[in-house]
Amino acid sequence: MRMVQHSVYASEINTLNSNSTVSNKSSIRNLNPFLDGNGILRVGGRLQNSLKPFAEKHQMILPPKHNFTELIVRAEHARLLHAGSQHLVASLRCKYWIVHSRKIIRRVIHQFMKCFRLKSSTAKQLMVHLPSDRATPFRPFQNLPLHPLARCRRPSS
């Protein structure tokens, strides 16, 4: 995890090591990042007093365009038995904060042939043309069809 973060967020890690704030041009500036005791970038926030575990309060930041991130998303998608994107985002957010996560998750789900086939669009049915009785305007009860049994009855004598 540390190697992945150092390869993508090296400048942010260097500025955090020198006890200064992250640059305004950084893509993770709004996440209020900090380094934990192991040197891993984590999301800051206001949950310090929460009863949740540390990993859920401060998720590890993962870069969007890295093979490691895609492997984690694929493994979680398979672990959740090919769940949808909303469920996958919620599950991943318990431990990781993936920048632009929905875009990556959509791409990974689309690459799974099984999920792609199950989410295929249904065929559109063409509507049949209306019969002339229903397509032409008439006054009420002018073109009223007789009841099928009314045609067969003969007047009793």
C-alpha atoms as a PDB file:
ATOM      1  CA  MET A   1       0.000   0.000   0.000  1.00  0.00           C
ATOM      2  CA  ARG A   2       2.819   2.363   0.926  1.00  0.00           C
ATOM      3  CA  MET A   3       4.620   1.709  -2.368  1.00  0.00           C
ATOM      4  CA  VAL A   4       1.490   2.468  -4.391  1.00  0.00           C
ATOM      5  CA  GLN A   5       0.878   5.704  -2.517  1.00  0.00           C
ATOM      6  CA  HIS A   6       4.533   6.776  -2.820  1.00  0.00           C
ATOM      7  CA  SER A   7       4.500   6.189  -6.567  1.00  0.00           C
ATOM      8  CA  VAL A   8       1.436   8.401  -7.122  1.00  0.00           C
ATOM      9  CA  TYR A   9       1.298  10.834  -4.194  1.00  0.00           C
ATOM     10  CA  ALA A  10       5.031  11.402  -3.572  1.00  0.00           C
ATOM     11  CA  SER A  11       4.798  15.207  -3.410  1.00  0.00           C
ATOM     12  CA  GLU A  12       1.865  15.097  -0.974  1.00  0.00           C
ATOM     13  CA  ILE A  13       3.686  12.627   1.280  1.00  0.00           C
ATOM     14  CA  ASN A  14       6.839  14.764   1.251  1.00  0.00           C
ATOM     15  CA  THR A  15       4.901  17.887   2.242  1.00  0.00           C
ATOM     16  CA  LEU A  16       3.096  16.017   5.024  1.00  0.00           C
ATOM     17  CA  ASN A  17       6.429  14.662   6.308  1.00  0.00           C
ATOM     18  CA  SER A  18       7.728  18.235   6.526  1.00  0.00           C
ATOM     19  CA  ASN A  19       4.659  19.181   8.642  1.00  0.00           C
ATOM     20  CA  SER A  20       3.126  21.521   6.083  1.00  0.00           C
ATOM     21  CA  THR A  21      -0.256  21.427   4.331  1.00  0.00           C
ATOM     22  CA  VAL A  22      -0.928  19.762   1.004  1.00  0.00           C
ATOM     23  CA  SER A  23      -0.829  21.966  -2.113  1.00  0.00           C
ATOM     24  CA  ASN A  24      -4.061  23.485  -3.407  1.00  0.00           C
ATOM     25  CA  LYS A  25      -3.427  21.808  -6.776  1.00  0.00           C
ATOM     26  CA  SER A  26      -3.450  18.317  -5.258  1.00  0.00           C
ATOM     27  CA  SER A  27      -6.334  15.995  -6.134  1.00  0.00           C
ATOM     28  CA  ILE A  28      -6.589  14.809  -2.510  1.00  0.00           C
ATOM     29  CA  ARG A  29      -6.525  18.273  -0.879  1.00  0.00           C
ATOM     30  CA  ASN A  30     -10.235  18.124   0.056  1.00  0.00           C
ATOM     31  CA  LEU A  31      -9.762  14.798   1.859  1.00  0.00           C
ATOM     32  CA  ASN A  32      -7.637  16.456   4.570  1.00  0.00           C
ATOM     33  CA  PRO A  33      -4.965  13.727   4.287  1.00  0.00           C
ATOM     34  CA  PHE A  34      -2.522  12.731   7.020  1.00  0.00           C
ATOM     35  CA  LEU A  35       0.137  10.067   7.503  1.00  0.00           C
ATOM     36  CA  ASP A  36      -0.461   7.359  10.084  1.00  0.00           C
ATOM     37  CA  GLY A  37       2.265   5.629  12.121  1.00  0.00           C
ATOM     38  CA  ASN A  38       3.108   3.285   9.222  1.00  0.00           C
ATOM     39  CA  GLY A  39       3.512   6.114   6.706  1.00  0.00           C
ATOM     40  CA  ILE A  40       0.231   5.398   4.902  1.00  0.00           C
ATOM     41  CA  LEU A  41      -1.901   8.266   3.601  1.00  0.00           C
ATOM     42  CA  ARG A  42      -5.306   8.309   5.244  1.00  0.00           C
ATOM     43  CA  VAL A  43      -8.428  10.449   5.025  1.00  0.00           C
ATOM     44  CA  GLY A  44      -8.787  12.975   7.811  1.00  0.00           C
ATOM     45  CA  GLY A  45     -12.090  14.132   9.137  1.00  0.00           C
ATOM     46  CA  ARG A  46     -14.207  14.846  12.154  1.00  0.00           C
ATOM     47  CA  LEU A  47     -14.767  11.283  13.361  1.00  0.00           C
ATOM     48  CA  GLN A  48     -12.050  11.191  16.031  1.00  0.00           C
ATOM     49  CA  ASN A  49     -14.641  10.696  18.790  1.00  0.00           C
ATOM     50  CA  SER A  50     -16.549   7.974  16.923  1.00  0.00           C
ATOM     51  CA  LEU A  51     -16.712   4.419  18.267  1.00  0.00           C
ATOM     52  CA  LYS A  52     -15.845   2.975  14.850  1.00  0.00           C
ATOM     53  CA  PRO A  53     -12.469   1.287  14.343  1.00  0.00           C
ATOM     54  CA  PHE A  54      -9.585   3.488  13.171  1.00  0.00           C
ATOM     55  CA  ALA A  55      -9.592   1.932   9.671  1.00  0.00           C
ATOM     56  CA  GLU A  56     -13.247   2.921   9.152  1.00  0.00           C
ATOM     57  CA  LYS A  57     -12.828   6.450  10.502  1.00  0.00           C
ATOM     58  CA  HIS A  58      -9.714   7.156   8.455  1.00  0.00           C
ATOM     59  CA  GLN A  59      -9.679   5.111   5.240  1.00  0.00           C
ATOM     60  CA  MET A  60      -6.515   4.510   3.213  1.00  0.00           C
ATOM     61  CA  ILE A  61      -6.332   6.696   0.119  1.00  0.00           C
ATOM     62  CA  LEU A  62      -5.938   4.818  -3.166  1.00  0.00           C
ATOM     63  CA  PRO A  63      -5.087   6.381  -6.534  1.00  0.00           C
ATOM     64  CA  PRO A  64      -7.705   6.076  -9.278  1.00  0.00           C
ATOM     65  CA  LYS A  65      -5.507   4.960 -12.177  1.00  0.00           C
ATOM     66  CA  HIS A  66      -3.391   2.242 -10.616  1.00  0.00           C
ATOM     67  CA  ASN A  67      -3.433  -1.503 -11.205  1.00  0.00           C
ATOM     68  CA  PHE A  68      -3.415  -2.198  -7.447  1.00  0.00           C
ATOM     69  CA  THR A  69      -6.646  -0.230  -7.018  1.00  0.00           C
ATOM     70  CA  GLU A  70      -8.297  -2.168  -9.811  1.00  0.00           C
ATOM     71  CA  LEU A  71      -7.213  -5.471  -8.257  1.00  0.00           C
ATOM     72  CA  ILE A  72      -8.750  -4.474  -4.914  1.00  0.00           C
ATOM     73  CA  VAL A  73     -12.018  -3.487  -6.597  1.00  0.00           C
ATOM     74  CA  ARG A  74     -12.090  -6.765  -8.572  1.00  0.00           C
ATOM     75  CA  ALA A  75     -11.450  -8.855  -5.447  1.00  0.00           C
ATOM     76  CA  GLU A  76     -14.163  -7.058  -3.485  1.00  0.00           C
ATOM     77  CA  HIS A  77     -16.605  -7.378  -6.376  1.00  0.00           C
ATOM     78  CA  ALA A  78     -16.011 -11.130  -6.501  1.00  0.00           C
ATOM     79  CA  ARG A  79     -16.199 -11.427  -2.686  1.00  0.00           C
ATOM     80  CA  LEU A  80     -19.597  -9.721  -2.698  1.00  0.00           C
ATOM     81  CA  LEU A  81     -20.806 -12.216  -5.348  1.00  0.00           C
ATOM     82  CA  HIS A  82     -20.875  -9.635  -8.153  1.00  0.00           C
ATOM     83  CA  ALA A  83     -22.877  -7.018  -6.296  1.00  0.00           C
ATOM     84  CA  GLY A  84     -23.912  -3.753  -7.914  1.00  0.00           C
ATOM     85  CA  SER A  85     -21.938  -0.535  -7.896  1.00  0.00           C
ATOM     86  CA  GLN A  86     -23.708   1.057  -4.905  1.00  0.00           C
ATOM     87  CA  HIS A  87     -23.078  -1.964  -2.688  1.00  0.00           C
ATOM     88  CA  LEU A  88     -19.486  -2.168  -3.866  1.00  0.00           C
ATOM     89  CA  VAL A  89     -18.816   1.506  -3.073  1.00  0.00           C
ATOM     90  CA  ALA A  90     -20.258   1.097   0.410  1.00  0.00           C
ATOM     91  CA  SER A  91     -18.188  -2.004   1.096  1.00  0.00           C
ATOM     92  CA  LEU A  92     -14.937  -0.479  -0.165  1.00  0.00           C
ATOM     93  CA  ARG A  93     -15.460   2.724   1.826  1.00  0.00           C
ATOM     94  CA  CYS A  94     -15.182   0.764   5.060  1.00  0.00           C
ATOM     95  CA  LYS A  95     -11.450   0.393   4.480  1.00  0.00           C
ATOM     96  CA  TYR A  96     -10.345   2.386   1.410  1.00  0.00           C
ATOM     97  CA  TRP A  97     -11.014   5.809  -0.058  1.00  0.00           C
ATOM     98  CA  ILE A  98     -10.613   5.501  -3.807  1.00  0.00           C
ATOM     99  CA  VAL A  99     -10.449   8.815  -5.631  1.00  0.00           C
ATOM    100  CA  HIS A 100     -13.174   8.820  -8.346  1.00  0.00           C
ATOM    101  CA  SER A 101     -14.335   5.423  -7.102  1.00  0.00           C
ATOM    102  CA  ARG A 102     -17.628   5.225  -8.995  1.00  0.00           C
ATOM    103  CA  LYS A 103     -15.887   5.615 -12.339  1.00  0.00           C
ATOM    104  CA  ILE A 104     -13.451   2.789 -11.576  1.00  0.00           C
ATOM    105  CA  ILE A 105     -16.162   0.526 -10.202  1.00  0.00           C
ATOM    106  CA  ARG A 106     -18.313   1.033 -13.299  1.00  0.00           C
ATOM    107  CA  ARG A 107     -15.345   0.113 -15.501  1.00  0.00           C
ATOM    108  CA  VAL A 108     -14.523  -3.024 -13.465  1.00  0.00           C
ATOM    109  CA  ILE A 109     -18.131  -4.240 -13.449  1.00  0.00           C
ATOM    110  CA  HIS A 110     -18.354  -3.624 -17.194  1.00  0.00           C
ATOM    111  CA  GLN A 111     -15.214  -5.739 -17.726  1.00  0.00           C
ATOM    112  CA  PHE A 112     -16.723  -8.741 -15.927  1.00  0.00           C
ATOM    113  CA  MET A 113     -18.488 -10.584 -18.732  1.00  0.00           C
ATOM    114  CA  LYS A 114     -20.893 -12.280 -16.315  1.00  0.00           C
ATOM    115  CA  CYS A 115     -22.020  -8.932 -14.849  1.00  0.00           C
ATOM    116  CA  PHE A 116     -22.146  -7.296 -18.268  1.00  0.00           C
ATOM    117  CA  ARG A 117     -24.518  -9.980 -19.562  1.00  0.00           C
ATOM    118  CA  LEU A 118     -26.750  -9.892 -16.494  1.00  0.00           C
ATOM    119  CA  LYS A 119     -27.141  -6.114 -16.730  1.00  0.00           C
ATOM    120  CA  SER A 120     -27.955  -6.162 -20.442  1.00  0.00           C
ATOM    121  CA  SER A 121     -30.834  -4.040 -21.642  1.00  0.00           C
ATOM    122  CA  THR A 122     -34.129  -5.716 -22.425  1.00  0.00           C
ATOM    123  CA  ALA A 123     -35.448  -5.884 -25.959  1.00  0.00           C
ATOM    124  CA  LYS A 124     -37.911  -3.185 -26.972  1.00  0.00           C
ATOM    125  CA  GLN A 125     -41.271  -4.389 -28.268  1.00  0.00           C
ATOM    126  CA  LEU A 126     -42.762  -2.680 -31.294  1.00  0.00           C
ATOM    127  CA  MET A 127     -46.375  -1.701 -30.872  1.00  0.00           C
ATOM    128  CA  VAL A 128     -48.913  -3.004 -33.402  1.00  0.00           C
ATOM    129  CA  HIS A 129     -50.911  -0.514 -35.456  1.00  0.00           C
ATOM    130  CA  LEU A 130     -54.298   0.378 -34.031  1.00  0.00           C
ATOM    131  CA  PRO A 131     -57.386  -1.018 -35.789  1.00  0.00           C
ATOM    132  CA  SER A 132     -59.419   1.467 -37.819  1.00  0.00           C
ATOM    133  CA  ASP A 133     -62.270   1.426 -35.267  1.00  0.00           C
ATOM    134  CA  ARG A 134     -59.934   2.812 -32.620  1.00  0.00           C
ATOM    135  CA  ALA A 135     -58.010   5.193 -34.873  1.00  0.00           C
ATOM    136  CA  THR A 136     -60.976   7.103 -36.380  1.00  0.00           C
ATOM    137  CA  PRO A 137     -63.122   9.411 -34.249  1.00  0.00           C
ATOM    138  CA  PHE A 138     -66.804   8.514 -33.729  1.00  0.00           C
ATOM    139  CA  ARG A 139     -69.569   9.875 -31.595  1.00  0.00           C
ATOM    140  CA  PRO A 140     -70.095   7.925 -28.395  1.00  0.00           C
ATOM    141  CA  PHE A 141     -71.744   4.534 -28.931  1.00  0.00           C
ATOM    142  CA  GLN A 142     -72.009   5.094 -32.691  1.00  0.00           C
ATOM    143  CA  ASN A 143     -69.703   2.230 -33.602  1.00  0.00           C
ATOM    144  CA  LEU A 144     -70.436  -0.026 -30.661  1.00  0.00           C
ATOM    145  CA  PRO A 145     -69.623  -3.664 -31.407  1.00  0.00           C
ATOM    146  CA  LEU A 146     -72.263  -6.157 -30.403  1.00  0.00           C
ATOM    147  CA  HIS A 147     -71.588  -8.612 -27.670  1.00  0.00           C
ATOM    148  CA  PRO A 148     -70.407 -11.938 -29.187  1.00  0.00           C
ATOM    149  CA  LEU A 149     -73.313 -13.860 -27.653  1.00  0.00           C
ATOM    150  CA  ALA A 150     -75.862 -11.293 -28.780  1.00  0.00           C
ATOM    151  CA  ARG A 151     -75.176 -12.187 -32.440  1.00  0.00           C
ATOM    152  CA  CYS A 152     -75.878 -15.873 -31.888  1.00  0.00           C
ATOM    153  CA  ARG A 153     -79.217 -15.553 -30.082  1.00  0.00           C
ATOM    154  CA  ARG A 154     -82.375 -15.874 -32.005  1.00  0.00           C
ATOM    155  CA  PRO A 155     -85.497 -14.234 -30.845  1.00  0.00           C
ATOM    156  CA  SER A 156     -87.749 -16.708 -29.158  1.00  0.00           C
ATOM    157  CA  SER A 157     -91.189 -17.153 -30.598  1.00  0.00           C
END
